[in-house]
């Protein structure tokens, strides 16, 4: 390929990516005005991705073409199942979310669609396809959360900590590495595999925006 595969995919989805990263939801988090009802709806649904997301990371680890990549992905998996999981539990306690709603809530259609997309990406057993979804899931969050000129909200940990979990040196480095890996593997992939990865990337961006929309839908 003559162009960076990662840059191509980001360019193709630029408008929707911008809509997601500057969504009402992300703006209200930064302003500290996101209501507890909306935050609760978001977190309960978002928590249902952890199982599928961890499986996707496992698939990427298995499909990776060199050991350093497996190490990098494993380190990130440890963060997801550690610090991020702790944040969810603290928020659930603060918001009074019962155990049944934490583990087996009624799922929104977009949540089911996102779970299925992650399963589909994992089932390809393709490293570049797994990276395509990971680049959206993590890169989009970095892009909305990493605003060094914007002060953190003073509304409490539930807003500020969700931002800092996605805007810190470790996370910035991981997302940069993901994007470089997608560029590298995309350059070596077959056209069929690139098209499969492209489809997954586009659908993931669309679902991210729809997921934020769903926070406000009855």
N, C-alpha and C. Protein backbone atom coordinates (compact mmCIF):
# COMPACT_ATOMS: atom_id res chain seq x y z
N UNK A 1 0.83 -1.20 0.00
CA UNK A 1 0.00 0.00 0.00
C UNK A 1 0.87 1.25 0.00
N UNK A 2 0.38 2.30 -0.68
CA UNK A 2 1.14 3.54 -0.72
C UNK A 2 0.72 4.50 0.38
N UNK A 3 -0.44 4.24 1.04
CA UNK A 3 -0.92 5.10 2.11
C UNK A 3 -1.07 4.31 3.39
N UNK A 4 -0.99 5.00 4.50
CA UNK A 4 -1.13 4.40 5.81
C UNK A 4 -2.57 3.92 5.99
N UNK A 5 -2.74 2.61 6.20
CA UNK A 5 -4.08 2.03 6.30
C UNK A 5 -4.87 2.64 7.46
N UNK A 6 -4.21 2.87 8.56
CA UNK A 6 -4.88 3.48 9.71
C UNK A 6 -5.37 4.89 9.37
N UNK A 7 -4.52 5.69 8.73
CA UNK A 7 -4.91 7.04 8.34
C UNK A 7 -6.07 7.03 7.35
N UNK A 8 -6.05 6.07 6.44
CA UNK A 8 -7.14 5.96 5.45
C UNK A 8 -8.47 5.74 6.16
N UNK A 9 -8.50 4.80 7.09
CA UNK A 9 -9.75 4.48 7.78
C UNK A 9 -10.23 5.66 8.62
N UNK A 10 -9.30 6.36 9.28
CA UNK A 10 -9.69 7.52 10.05
C UNK A 10 -10.23 8.63 9.13
N UNK A 11 -9.63 8.79 7.96
CA UNK A 11 -10.10 9.81 7.03
C UNK A 11 -11.50 9.47 6.51
N UNK A 12 -11.73 8.20 6.23
CA UNK A 12 -13.03 7.77 5.70
C UNK A 12 -14.17 7.97 6.70
N UNK A 13 -13.85 7.95 7.98
CA UNK A 13 -14.88 8.04 9.02
C UNK A 13 -14.80 9.36 9.79
N UNK A 14 -14.12 10.34 9.23
CA UNK A 14 -13.81 11.57 9.97
C UNK A 14 -15.04 12.28 10.50
N UNK A 15 -16.08 12.39 9.69
CA UNK A 15 -17.26 13.15 10.11
C UNK A 15 -17.96 12.48 11.29
N UNK A 16 -18.15 11.18 11.20
CA UNK A 16 -18.81 10.46 12.28
C UNK A 16 -17.92 10.38 13.52
N UNK A 17 -16.62 10.26 13.31
CA UNK A 17 -15.66 10.27 14.43
C UNK A 17 -15.78 11.58 15.20
N UNK A 18 -15.83 12.69 14.47
CA UNK A 18 -15.97 14.00 15.10
C UNK A 18 -17.30 14.11 15.84
N UNK A 19 -18.36 13.57 15.25
CA UNK A 19 -19.66 13.61 15.91
C UNK A 19 -19.64 12.85 17.23
N UNK A 20 -18.89 11.76 17.28
CA UNK A 20 -18.80 10.97 18.51
C UNK A 20 -17.92 11.65 19.55
N UNK A 21 -16.77 12.15 19.13
CA UNK A 21 -15.82 12.71 20.10
C UNK A 21 -16.27 14.05 20.65
N UNK A 22 -17.20 14.72 19.97
CA UNK A 22 -17.75 15.99 20.47
C UNK A 22 -19.26 15.86 20.65
N UNK A 23 -19.67 14.69 21.07
CA UNK A 23 -21.07 14.38 21.30
C UNK A 23 -21.57 15.11 22.56
N UNK A 24 -22.86 15.27 22.66
CA UNK A 24 -23.46 15.85 23.88
C UNK A 24 -22.96 15.10 25.12
N UNK A 25 -22.86 13.78 25.03
CA UNK A 25 -22.44 12.96 26.16
C UNK A 25 -21.04 13.34 26.63
N UNK A 26 -20.09 13.41 25.70
CA UNK A 26 -18.71 13.72 26.08
C UNK A 26 -18.59 15.15 26.58
N UNK A 27 -19.37 16.07 25.99
CA UNK A 27 -19.31 17.46 26.44
C UNK A 27 -19.87 17.60 27.86
N UNK A 28 -20.92 16.86 28.16
CA UNK A 28 -21.51 16.94 29.50
C UNK A 28 -20.60 16.30 30.55
N UNK A 29 -19.86 15.27 30.17
CA UNK A 29 -18.88 14.70 31.12
C UNK A 29 -17.85 15.76 31.48
N UNK A 30 -17.30 16.43 30.47
CA UNK A 30 -16.27 17.44 30.73
C UNK A 30 -16.82 18.62 31.51
N UNK A 31 -18.07 18.95 31.26
CA UNK A 31 -18.68 20.07 31.99
C UNK A 31 -19.09 19.67 33.40
N UNK A 32 -19.12 18.37 33.67
CA UNK A 32 -19.58 17.89 34.97
C UNK A 32 -21.08 17.99 35.14
N UNK A 33 -21.80 18.08 34.01
CA UNK A 33 -23.25 18.25 34.07
C UNK A 33 -24.01 17.00 33.66
N UNK A 34 -23.31 15.93 33.32
CA UNK A 34 -24.00 14.70 32.97
C UNK A 34 -24.79 14.20 34.18
N UNK A 35 -26.07 13.99 34.00
CA UNK A 35 -26.91 13.58 35.12
C UNK A 35 -26.55 12.17 35.58
N UNK A 36 -26.80 11.88 36.83
CA UNK A 36 -26.55 10.53 37.34
C UNK A 36 -27.41 9.50 36.62
N UNK A 37 -28.61 9.89 36.22
CA UNK A 37 -29.48 8.95 35.50
C UNK A 37 -28.87 8.57 34.16
N UNK A 38 -28.33 9.56 33.44
CA UNK A 38 -27.71 9.27 32.15
C UNK A 38 -26.39 8.52 32.33
N UNK A 39 -25.63 8.90 33.36
CA UNK A 39 -24.37 8.19 33.62
C UNK A 39 -24.66 6.73 33.96
N UNK A 40 -25.66 6.50 34.78
CA UNK A 40 -26.01 5.13 35.17
C UNK A 40 -26.41 4.31 33.95
N UNK A 41 -27.24 4.88 33.09
CA UNK A 41 -27.66 4.18 31.88
C UNK A 41 -26.45 3.81 31.03
N UNK A 42 -25.54 4.77 30.89
CA UNK A 42 -24.34 4.54 30.09
C UNK A 42 -23.46 3.46 30.69
N UNK A 43 -23.15 3.57 31.98
CA UNK A 43 -22.20 2.64 32.60
C UNK A 43 -22.75 1.23 32.67
N UNK A 44 -24.03 1.09 32.98
CA UNK A 44 -24.63 -0.25 33.05
C UNK A 44 -24.51 -0.95 31.70
N UNK A 45 -24.78 -0.21 30.61
CA UNK A 45 -24.68 -0.81 29.28
C UNK A 45 -23.22 -1.02 28.88
N UNK A 46 -22.38 -0.03 29.15
CA UNK A 46 -20.97 -0.13 28.75
C UNK A 46 -20.27 -1.30 29.45
N UNK A 47 -20.67 -1.56 30.67
CA UNK A 47 -20.05 -2.66 31.43
C UNK A 47 -20.30 -4.01 30.78
N UNK A 48 -21.34 -4.09 29.98
CA UNK A 48 -21.66 -5.36 29.33
C UNK A 48 -20.71 -5.68 28.17
N UNK A 49 -19.83 -4.74 27.85
CA UNK A 49 -18.84 -4.99 26.80
C UNK A 49 -17.59 -5.67 27.33
N UNK A 50 -17.38 -5.64 28.63
CA UNK A 50 -16.09 -6.08 29.16
C UNK A 50 -15.79 -7.53 28.79
N UNK A 51 -16.77 -8.39 28.90
CA UNK A 51 -16.53 -9.80 28.58
C UNK A 51 -16.12 -9.96 27.12
N UNK A 52 -16.92 -9.40 26.21
CA UNK A 52 -16.61 -9.50 24.77
C UNK A 52 -15.31 -8.79 24.43
N UNK A 53 -15.07 -7.65 25.08
CA UNK A 53 -13.87 -6.89 24.79
C UNK A 53 -12.62 -7.65 25.23
N UNK A 54 -12.70 -8.27 26.40
CA UNK A 54 -11.57 -9.08 26.87
C UNK A 54 -11.33 -10.25 25.93
N UNK A 55 -12.41 -10.85 25.43
CA UNK A 55 -12.26 -11.94 24.46
C UNK A 55 -11.61 -11.44 23.17
N UNK A 56 -11.98 -10.22 22.75
CA UNK A 56 -11.37 -9.64 21.56
C UNK A 56 -9.88 -9.41 21.77
N UNK A 57 -9.51 -8.91 22.95
CA UNK A 57 -8.09 -8.75 23.26
C UNK A 57 -7.38 -10.09 23.23
N UNK A 58 -8.04 -11.11 23.77
CA UNK A 58 -7.44 -12.45 23.74
C UNK A 58 -7.24 -12.94 22.31
N UNK A 59 -8.21 -12.66 21.44
CA UNK A 59 -8.08 -13.05 20.04
C UNK A 59 -6.94 -12.31 19.37
N UNK A 60 -6.79 -11.03 19.70
CA UNK A 60 -5.68 -10.25 19.14
C UNK A 60 -4.34 -10.78 19.63
N UNK A 61 -4.28 -11.15 20.90
CA UNK A 61 -3.05 -11.72 21.46
C UNK A 61 -2.70 -13.01 20.73
N UNK A 62 -3.71 -13.85 20.50
CA UNK A 62 -3.48 -15.13 19.82
C UNK A 62 -3.06 -14.93 18.37
N UNK A 63 -3.63 -13.91 17.70
CA UNK A 63 -3.37 -13.72 16.27
C UNK A 63 -2.15 -12.85 16.00
N UNK A 64 -1.63 -12.17 17.01
CA UNK A 64 -0.49 -11.27 16.80
C UNK A 64 0.69 -12.02 16.21
N UNK A 65 1.46 -11.30 15.38
CA UNK A 65 2.52 -11.97 14.63
C UNK A 65 3.90 -11.85 15.29
N UNK A 66 3.96 -11.26 16.50
CA UNK A 66 5.23 -11.25 17.20
C UNK A 66 4.99 -11.07 18.70
N UNK A 67 5.96 -11.52 19.48
CA UNK A 67 5.82 -11.56 20.93
C UNK A 67 5.65 -10.19 21.57
N UNK A 68 6.40 -9.15 21.17
CA UNK A 68 6.20 -7.85 21.80
C UNK A 68 4.76 -7.35 21.72
N UNK A 69 4.08 -7.65 20.63
CA UNK A 69 2.68 -7.26 20.50
C UNK A 69 1.82 -7.98 21.52
N UNK A 70 2.10 -9.24 21.75
CA UNK A 70 1.33 -10.00 22.75
C UNK A 70 1.53 -9.40 24.15
N UNK A 71 2.75 -8.97 24.44
CA UNK A 71 3.04 -8.36 25.73
C UNK A 71 2.26 -7.06 25.88
N UNK A 72 2.28 -6.22 24.85
CA UNK A 72 1.60 -4.92 24.91
C UNK A 72 0.10 -5.10 25.12
N UNK A 73 -0.49 -6.01 24.41
CA UNK A 73 -1.92 -6.27 24.53
C UNK A 73 -2.27 -6.87 25.89
N UNK A 74 -1.40 -7.72 26.39
CA UNK A 74 -1.63 -8.32 27.70
C UNK A 74 -1.57 -7.27 28.80
N UNK A 75 -0.67 -6.33 28.68
CA UNK A 75 -0.57 -5.25 29.67
C UNK A 75 -1.85 -4.41 29.67
N UNK A 76 -2.40 -4.19 28.49
CA UNK A 76 -3.63 -3.41 28.42
C UNK A 76 -4.80 -4.21 29.00
N UNK A 77 -4.84 -5.49 28.73
CA UNK A 77 -5.90 -6.33 29.30
C UNK A 77 -5.88 -6.27 30.82
N UNK A 78 -4.69 -6.20 31.40
CA UNK A 78 -4.57 -6.10 32.85
C UNK A 78 -5.16 -4.80 33.36
N UNK A 79 -5.01 -3.72 32.61
CA UNK A 79 -5.59 -2.44 33.01
C UNK A 79 -7.12 -2.48 32.94
N UNK A 80 -7.65 -3.07 31.88
CA UNK A 80 -9.10 -3.14 31.69
C UNK A 80 -9.74 -3.93 32.83
N UNK A 81 -9.13 -5.03 33.20
CA UNK A 81 -9.70 -5.88 34.24
C UNK A 81 -9.30 -5.44 35.64
N UNK A 82 -8.47 -4.40 35.72
CA UNK A 82 -8.03 -3.88 37.01
C UNK A 82 -8.61 -2.51 37.29
N UNK A 83 -7.88 -1.44 36.92
CA UNK A 83 -8.27 -0.08 37.25
C UNK A 83 -9.64 0.29 36.68
N UNK A 84 -9.90 -0.08 35.43
CA UNK A 84 -11.18 0.30 34.83
C UNK A 84 -12.34 -0.45 35.47
N UNK A 85 -12.14 -1.73 35.75
CA UNK A 85 -13.20 -2.49 36.41
C UNK A 85 -13.50 -1.92 37.80
N UNK A 86 -12.45 -1.49 38.50
CA UNK A 86 -12.63 -0.88 39.82
C UNK A 86 -13.46 0.39 39.72
N UNK A 87 -13.20 1.20 38.69
CA UNK A 87 -14.00 2.41 38.49
C UNK A 87 -15.48 2.07 38.33
N UNK A 88 -15.77 1.08 37.51
CA UNK A 88 -17.17 0.69 37.32
C UNK A 88 -17.81 0.32 38.65
N UNK A 89 -17.13 -0.48 39.44
CA UNK A 89 -17.72 -0.95 40.70
C UNK A 89 -17.93 0.22 41.67
N UNK A 90 -16.99 1.15 41.71
CA UNK A 90 -17.16 2.31 42.58
C UNK A 90 -18.35 3.15 42.13
N UNK A 91 -18.49 3.33 40.83
CA UNK A 91 -19.62 4.10 40.32
C UNK A 91 -20.94 3.38 40.59
N UNK A 92 -20.96 2.08 40.38
CA UNK A 92 -22.19 1.33 40.65
C UNK A 92 -22.59 1.47 42.12
N UNK A 93 -21.61 1.42 43.00
CA UNK A 93 -21.90 1.61 44.42
C UNK A 93 -22.46 3.01 44.66
N UNK A 94 -21.82 4.01 44.09
CA UNK A 94 -22.24 5.40 44.28
C UNK A 94 -23.66 5.62 43.75
N UNK A 95 -23.96 5.00 42.60
CA UNK A 95 -25.25 5.21 41.94
C UNK A 95 -26.33 4.25 42.44
N UNK A 96 -25.95 3.35 43.32
CA UNK A 96 -26.92 2.42 43.87
C UNK A 96 -27.41 1.38 42.88
N UNK A 97 -26.54 0.92 42.00
CA UNK A 97 -26.92 -0.07 41.00
C UNK A 97 -26.89 -1.46 41.64
N UNK A 98 -28.02 -2.18 41.65
CA UNK A 98 -28.04 -3.51 42.27
C UNK A 98 -27.23 -4.52 41.46
N UNK A 99 -26.85 -5.61 42.09
CA UNK A 99 -26.00 -6.62 41.46
C UNK A 99 -26.61 -7.16 40.18
N UNK A 100 -27.91 -7.41 40.19
CA UNK A 100 -28.55 -7.97 38.99
C UNK A 100 -28.43 -7.04 37.79
N UNK A 101 -28.50 -5.74 38.04
CA UNK A 101 -28.39 -4.77 36.95
C UNK A 101 -26.94 -4.61 36.49
N UNK A 102 -26.01 -4.90 37.37
CA UNK A 102 -24.60 -4.84 36.98
C UNK A 102 -24.23 -6.01 36.07
N UNK A 103 -24.75 -7.17 36.35
CA UNK A 103 -24.31 -8.38 35.66
C UNK A 103 -25.23 -8.84 34.54
N UNK A 104 -26.52 -8.55 34.63
CA UNK A 104 -27.45 -9.06 33.61
C UNK A 104 -28.60 -8.08 33.37
N UNK A 105 -28.30 -6.86 32.94
CA UNK A 105 -29.37 -5.90 32.67
C UNK A 105 -30.04 -6.20 31.34
N UNK A 106 -31.19 -5.57 31.12
CA UNK A 106 -31.78 -5.60 29.79
C UNK A 106 -30.88 -4.81 28.86
N UNK A 107 -30.51 -5.39 27.74
CA UNK A 107 -29.55 -4.76 26.84
C UNK A 107 -30.26 -3.91 25.79
N UNK A 108 -29.71 -2.74 25.54
CA UNK A 108 -30.19 -1.92 24.45
C UNK A 108 -29.79 -2.57 23.12
N UNK A 109 -30.56 -2.33 22.05
CA UNK A 109 -30.18 -2.90 20.74
C UNK A 109 -28.76 -2.56 20.33
N UNK A 110 -28.31 -1.32 20.56
CA UNK A 110 -26.96 -0.94 20.14
C UNK A 110 -25.91 -1.70 20.95
N UNK A 111 -26.21 -2.02 22.20
CA UNK A 111 -25.28 -2.80 23.01
C UNK A 111 -25.12 -4.19 22.43
N UNK A 112 -26.23 -4.81 22.06
CA UNK A 112 -26.17 -6.14 21.44
C UNK A 112 -25.40 -6.10 20.12
N UNK A 113 -25.62 -5.05 19.35
CA UNK A 113 -24.92 -4.92 18.07
C UNK A 113 -23.42 -4.78 18.27
N UNK A 114 -23.03 -4.03 19.29
CA UNK A 114 -21.61 -3.85 19.57
C UNK A 114 -20.99 -5.15 20.07
N UNK A 115 -21.70 -5.86 20.91
CA UNK A 115 -21.22 -7.17 21.37
C UNK A 115 -21.00 -8.10 20.18
N UNK A 116 -21.94 -8.10 19.26
CA UNK A 116 -21.84 -8.97 18.08
C UNK A 116 -20.67 -8.56 17.20
N UNK A 117 -20.44 -7.26 17.06
CA UNK A 117 -19.30 -6.80 16.26
C UNK A 117 -17.99 -7.29 16.86
N UNK A 118 -17.85 -7.20 18.18
CA UNK A 118 -16.64 -7.68 18.84
C UNK A 118 -16.47 -9.18 18.65
N UNK A 119 -17.58 -9.92 18.77
CA UNK A 119 -17.52 -11.37 18.57
C UNK A 119 -17.08 -11.68 17.14
N UNK A 120 -17.67 -10.96 16.17
CA UNK A 120 -17.34 -11.17 14.77
C UNK A 120 -15.86 -10.90 14.50
N UNK A 121 -15.35 -9.80 15.07
CA UNK A 121 -13.93 -9.46 14.87
C UNK A 121 -13.04 -10.54 15.48
N UNK A 122 -13.39 -11.01 16.67
CA UNK A 122 -12.59 -12.06 17.31
C UNK A 122 -12.63 -13.35 16.50
N UNK A 123 -13.79 -13.66 15.95
CA UNK A 123 -13.96 -14.92 15.22
C UNK A 123 -13.22 -14.94 13.89
N UNK A 124 -12.83 -13.77 13.38
CA UNK A 124 -12.07 -13.77 12.12
C UNK A 124 -10.69 -14.42 12.31
N UNK A 125 -10.19 -14.43 13.57
CA UNK A 125 -8.83 -14.90 13.86
C UNK A 125 -7.79 -14.12 13.06
N UNK A 126 -8.14 -12.90 12.75
CA UNK A 126 -7.27 -12.02 11.97
C UNK A 126 -6.78 -10.89 12.85
N UNK A 127 -5.48 -10.71 12.91
CA UNK A 127 -4.89 -9.67 13.74
C UNK A 127 -5.32 -8.29 13.26
N UNK A 128 -5.29 -8.05 11.95
CA UNK A 128 -5.63 -6.73 11.44
C UNK A 128 -7.11 -6.41 11.70
N UNK A 129 -7.98 -7.42 11.66
CA UNK A 129 -9.40 -7.19 11.93
C UNK A 129 -9.63 -6.87 13.41
N UNK A 130 -8.94 -7.59 14.28
CA UNK A 130 -9.04 -7.29 15.71
C UNK A 130 -8.52 -5.88 15.99
N UNK A 131 -7.41 -5.51 15.36
CA UNK A 131 -6.85 -4.18 15.56
C UNK A 131 -7.80 -3.09 15.08
N UNK A 132 -8.53 -3.35 14.00
CA UNK A 132 -9.45 -2.35 13.46
C UNK A 132 -10.48 -1.95 14.50
N UNK A 133 -11.04 -2.93 15.20
CA UNK A 133 -12.05 -2.63 16.23
C UNK A 133 -11.39 -2.01 17.46
N UNK A 134 -10.25 -2.52 17.85
CA UNK A 134 -9.55 -1.96 19.01
C UNK A 134 -9.16 -0.50 18.78
N UNK A 135 -8.75 -0.18 17.57
CA UNK A 135 -8.37 1.20 17.26
C UNK A 135 -9.54 2.16 17.42
N UNK A 136 -10.73 1.69 17.09
CA UNK A 136 -11.90 2.54 17.28
C UNK A 136 -12.27 2.62 18.76
N UNK A 137 -12.37 1.46 19.40
CA UNK A 137 -12.82 1.41 20.79
C UNK A 137 -11.93 2.23 21.71
N UNK A 138 -10.62 2.23 21.46
CA UNK A 138 -9.70 2.96 22.33
C UNK A 138 -9.31 4.32 21.75
N UNK A 139 -9.10 4.37 20.46
CA UNK A 139 -8.69 5.64 19.85
C UNK A 139 -9.74 6.71 19.94
N UNK A 140 -11.01 6.34 19.77
CA UNK A 140 -12.07 7.33 19.85
C UNK A 140 -12.18 7.88 21.27
N UNK A 141 -11.99 7.02 22.26
CA UNK A 141 -12.04 7.49 23.65
C UNK A 141 -10.87 8.41 23.98
N UNK A 142 -9.70 8.09 23.47
CA UNK A 142 -8.57 9.00 23.68
C UNK A 142 -8.87 10.36 23.06
N UNK A 143 -9.44 10.37 21.87
CA UNK A 143 -9.66 11.62 21.17
C UNK A 143 -10.71 12.50 21.85
N UNK A 144 -11.69 11.91 22.51
CA UNK A 144 -12.64 12.78 23.22
C UNK A 144 -12.13 13.16 24.61
N UNK A 145 -11.33 12.30 25.23
CA UNK A 145 -10.92 12.54 26.62
C UNK A 145 -9.66 13.38 26.75
N UNK A 146 -8.81 13.36 25.74
CA UNK A 146 -7.49 14.00 25.86
C UNK A 146 -7.58 15.47 25.45
N UNK A 147 -7.94 16.31 26.41
CA UNK A 147 -8.08 17.74 26.17
C UNK A 147 -7.24 18.48 27.21
N UNK A 148 -5.95 18.59 26.97
CA UNK A 148 -5.06 19.15 27.98
C UNK A 148 -5.38 20.59 28.37
N UNK A 149 -6.08 21.32 27.50
CA UNK A 149 -6.41 22.71 27.81
C UNK A 149 -7.74 22.85 28.55
N UNK A 150 -8.44 21.73 28.75
CA UNK A 150 -9.73 21.78 29.43
C UNK A 150 -9.57 21.25 30.86
N UNK A 151 -10.02 22.00 31.84
CA UNK A 151 -9.90 21.52 33.22
C UNK A 151 -10.83 20.34 33.47
N UNK A 152 -10.42 19.48 34.39
CA UNK A 152 -11.28 18.36 34.77
C UNK A 152 -12.49 18.89 35.53
N UNK A 153 -13.63 18.23 35.37
CA UNK A 153 -14.82 18.66 36.10
C UNK A 153 -14.62 18.51 37.60
N UNK A 154 -15.27 19.36 38.36
CA UNK A 154 -15.18 19.35 39.82
C UNK A 154 -16.40 18.68 40.44
N UNK A 155 -17.10 17.89 39.64
CA UNK A 155 -18.35 17.28 40.08
C UNK A 155 -18.16 15.95 40.79
N UNK A 156 -16.92 15.52 40.96
CA UNK A 156 -16.67 14.26 41.66
C UNK A 156 -15.98 13.24 40.77
N UNK A 157 -15.58 12.14 41.38
CA UNK A 157 -14.77 11.15 40.68
C UNK A 157 -15.48 10.53 39.48
N UNK A 158 -16.80 10.43 39.54
CA UNK A 158 -17.54 9.70 38.51
C UNK A 158 -17.37 10.30 37.13
N UNK A 159 -17.15 11.60 37.03
CA UNK A 159 -16.88 12.24 35.74
C UNK A 159 -15.37 12.34 35.49
N UNK A 160 -14.66 12.90 36.45
CA UNK A 160 -13.23 13.17 36.25
C UNK A 160 -12.43 11.90 36.03
N UNK A 161 -12.73 10.85 36.79
CA UNK A 161 -11.94 9.63 36.67
C UNK A 161 -12.18 8.91 35.36
N UNK A 162 -13.39 9.02 34.81
CA UNK A 162 -13.65 8.40 33.50
C UNK A 162 -12.82 9.09 32.42
N UNK A 163 -12.59 10.38 32.60
CA UNK A 163 -11.73 11.12 31.68
C UNK A 163 -10.27 10.68 31.84
N UNK A 164 -9.78 10.68 33.07
CA UNK A 164 -8.36 10.39 33.28
C UNK A 164 -7.99 8.95 32.97
N UNK A 165 -8.95 8.04 33.04
CA UNK A 165 -8.69 6.66 32.62
C UNK A 165 -8.38 6.58 31.13
N UNK A 166 -8.84 7.59 30.37
CA UNK A 166 -8.66 7.58 28.92
C UNK A 166 -7.79 8.74 28.44
N UNK A 167 -7.10 9.39 29.37
CA UNK A 167 -6.19 10.47 28.99
C UNK A 167 -5.03 10.47 29.97
N UNK A 168 -4.08 9.60 29.73
CA UNK A 168 -2.90 9.47 30.58
C UNK A 168 -1.77 8.92 29.71
N UNK A 169 -0.54 9.02 30.14
CA UNK A 169 0.58 8.60 29.28
C UNK A 169 0.50 7.15 28.82
N UNK A 170 0.09 6.24 29.71
CA UNK A 170 -0.01 4.83 29.31
C UNK A 170 -1.02 4.66 28.19
N UNK A 171 -2.19 5.28 28.34
CA UNK A 171 -3.25 5.12 27.35
C UNK A 171 -2.88 5.79 26.03
N UNK A 172 -2.27 6.98 26.10
CA UNK A 172 -1.83 7.64 24.87
C UNK A 172 -0.84 6.76 24.11
N UNK A 173 0.11 6.19 24.85
CA UNK A 173 1.10 5.33 24.21
C UNK A 173 0.49 4.09 23.60
N UNK A 174 -0.50 3.52 24.29
CA UNK A 174 -1.13 2.31 23.78
C UNK A 174 -1.91 2.60 22.50
N UNK A 175 -2.66 3.70 22.48
CA UNK A 175 -3.42 4.04 21.28
C UNK A 175 -2.49 4.34 20.11
N UNK A 176 -1.41 5.05 20.35
CA UNK A 176 -0.44 5.31 19.28
C UNK A 176 0.13 4.01 18.74
N UNK A 177 0.40 3.08 19.65
CA UNK A 177 0.91 1.77 19.22
C UNK A 177 -0.14 1.01 18.42
N UNK A 178 -1.39 1.04 18.85
CA UNK A 178 -2.47 0.36 18.10
C UNK A 178 -2.55 0.90 16.67
N UNK A 179 -2.50 2.21 16.54
CA UNK A 179 -2.61 2.82 15.22
C UNK A 179 -1.43 2.45 14.34
N UNK A 180 -0.25 2.39 14.93
CA UNK A 180 0.94 1.98 14.17
C UNK A 180 0.84 0.51 13.76
N UNK A 181 0.32 -0.33 14.66
CA UNK A 181 0.14 -1.74 14.33
C UNK A 181 -0.89 -1.94 13.22
N UNK A 182 -1.97 -1.15 13.27
CA UNK A 182 -2.97 -1.26 12.21
C UNK A 182 -2.38 -0.83 10.86
N UNK A 183 -1.55 0.21 10.87
CA UNK A 183 -0.89 0.63 9.63
C UNK A 183 0.05 -0.45 9.12
N UNK A 184 0.82 -1.04 10.04
CA UNK A 184 1.79 -2.06 9.65
C UNK A 184 1.11 -3.31 9.11
N UNK A 185 0.13 -3.80 9.84
CA UNK A 185 -0.52 -5.04 9.42
C UNK A 185 -1.41 -4.82 8.21
N UNK A 186 -2.00 -3.62 8.11
CA UNK A 186 -2.81 -3.31 6.94
C UNK A 186 -2.00 -3.30 5.66
N UNK A 187 -0.77 -2.82 5.76
CA UNK A 187 0.11 -2.78 4.58
C UNK A 187 0.45 -4.18 4.09
N UNK A 188 0.50 -5.15 5.00
CA UNK A 188 0.89 -6.51 4.62
C UNK A 188 -0.31 -7.41 4.32
N UNK A 189 -1.53 -6.97 4.66
CA UNK A 189 -2.71 -7.81 4.51
C UNK A 189 -3.15 -7.91 3.06
N UNK A 190 -3.92 -8.95 2.78
CA UNK A 190 -4.51 -9.09 1.45
C UNK A 190 -5.63 -8.07 1.28
N UNK A 191 -6.04 -7.84 0.05
CA UNK A 191 -7.12 -6.89 -0.18
C UNK A 191 -8.41 -7.36 0.47
N UNK A 192 -8.66 -8.66 0.46
CA UNK A 192 -9.85 -9.20 1.12
C UNK A 192 -9.84 -8.91 2.61
N UNK A 193 -8.69 -9.12 3.22
CA UNK A 193 -8.58 -8.88 4.66
C UNK A 193 -8.69 -7.40 4.98
N UNK A 194 -8.13 -6.54 4.15
CA UNK A 194 -8.25 -5.10 4.37
C UNK A 194 -9.70 -4.64 4.28
N UNK A 195 -10.44 -5.20 3.32
CA UNK A 195 -11.85 -4.82 3.19
C UNK A 195 -12.66 -5.29 4.40
N UNK A 196 -12.32 -6.45 4.92
CA UNK A 196 -13.00 -6.95 6.11
C UNK A 196 -12.70 -6.04 7.31
N UNK A 197 -11.44 -5.66 7.45
CA UNK A 197 -11.05 -4.75 8.53
C UNK A 197 -11.71 -3.39 8.35
N UNK A 198 -11.77 -2.91 7.12
CA UNK A 198 -12.41 -1.62 6.84
C UNK A 198 -13.88 -1.64 7.26
N UNK A 199 -14.58 -2.69 6.92
CA UNK A 199 -15.99 -2.81 7.30
C UNK A 199 -16.16 -2.79 8.81
N UNK A 200 -15.32 -3.52 9.52
CA UNK A 200 -15.40 -3.56 10.97
C UNK A 200 -15.10 -2.18 11.57
N UNK A 201 -14.13 -1.49 11.04
CA UNK A 201 -13.77 -0.16 11.54
C UNK A 201 -14.93 0.81 11.36
N UNK A 202 -15.50 0.86 10.16
CA UNK A 202 -16.61 1.77 9.87
C UNK A 202 -17.80 1.47 10.78
N UNK A 203 -18.14 0.20 10.90
CA UNK A 203 -19.29 -0.16 11.74
C UNK A 203 -19.04 0.18 13.20
N UNK A 204 -17.80 0.01 13.66
CA UNK A 204 -17.48 0.32 15.05
C UNK A 204 -17.64 1.82 15.32
N UNK A 205 -17.19 2.67 14.42
CA UNK A 205 -17.35 4.12 14.60
C UNK A 205 -18.83 4.48 14.66
N UNK A 206 -19.61 3.91 13.76
CA UNK A 206 -21.04 4.18 13.74
C UNK A 206 -21.70 3.75 15.05
N UNK A 207 -21.32 2.59 15.56
CA UNK A 207 -21.90 2.09 16.80
C UNK A 207 -21.47 2.93 18.01
N UNK A 208 -20.25 3.43 18.01
CA UNK A 208 -19.82 4.29 19.11
C UNK A 208 -20.71 5.52 19.20
N UNK A 209 -20.99 6.14 18.07
CA UNK A 209 -21.83 7.33 18.06
C UNK A 209 -23.26 6.97 18.47
N UNK A 210 -23.77 5.85 17.96
CA UNK A 210 -25.11 5.41 18.30
C UNK A 210 -25.22 5.06 19.78
N UNK A 211 -24.14 4.54 20.36
CA UNK A 211 -24.16 4.19 21.77
C UNK A 211 -24.28 5.45 22.64
N UNK A 212 -23.58 6.51 22.26
CA UNK A 212 -23.72 7.77 22.98
C UNK A 212 -25.13 8.34 22.81
N UNK A 213 -25.69 8.23 21.59
CA UNK A 213 -27.06 8.68 21.37
C UNK A 213 -28.03 7.96 22.30
N UNK A 214 -27.81 6.66 22.48
CA UNK A 214 -28.74 5.83 23.23
C UNK A 214 -28.81 6.21 24.70
N UNK A 215 -27.78 6.89 25.20
CA UNK A 215 -27.80 7.33 26.60
C UNK A 215 -29.01 8.22 26.87
N UNK A 216 -29.46 8.95 25.84
CA UNK A 216 -30.52 9.94 26.01
C UNK A 216 -31.87 9.47 25.49
N UNK A 217 -31.93 8.27 24.96
CA UNK A 217 -33.18 7.77 24.38
C UNK A 217 -34.00 7.03 25.43
N UNK A 218 -35.30 7.24 25.41
CA UNK A 218 -36.18 6.52 26.34
C UNK A 218 -36.33 5.07 25.87
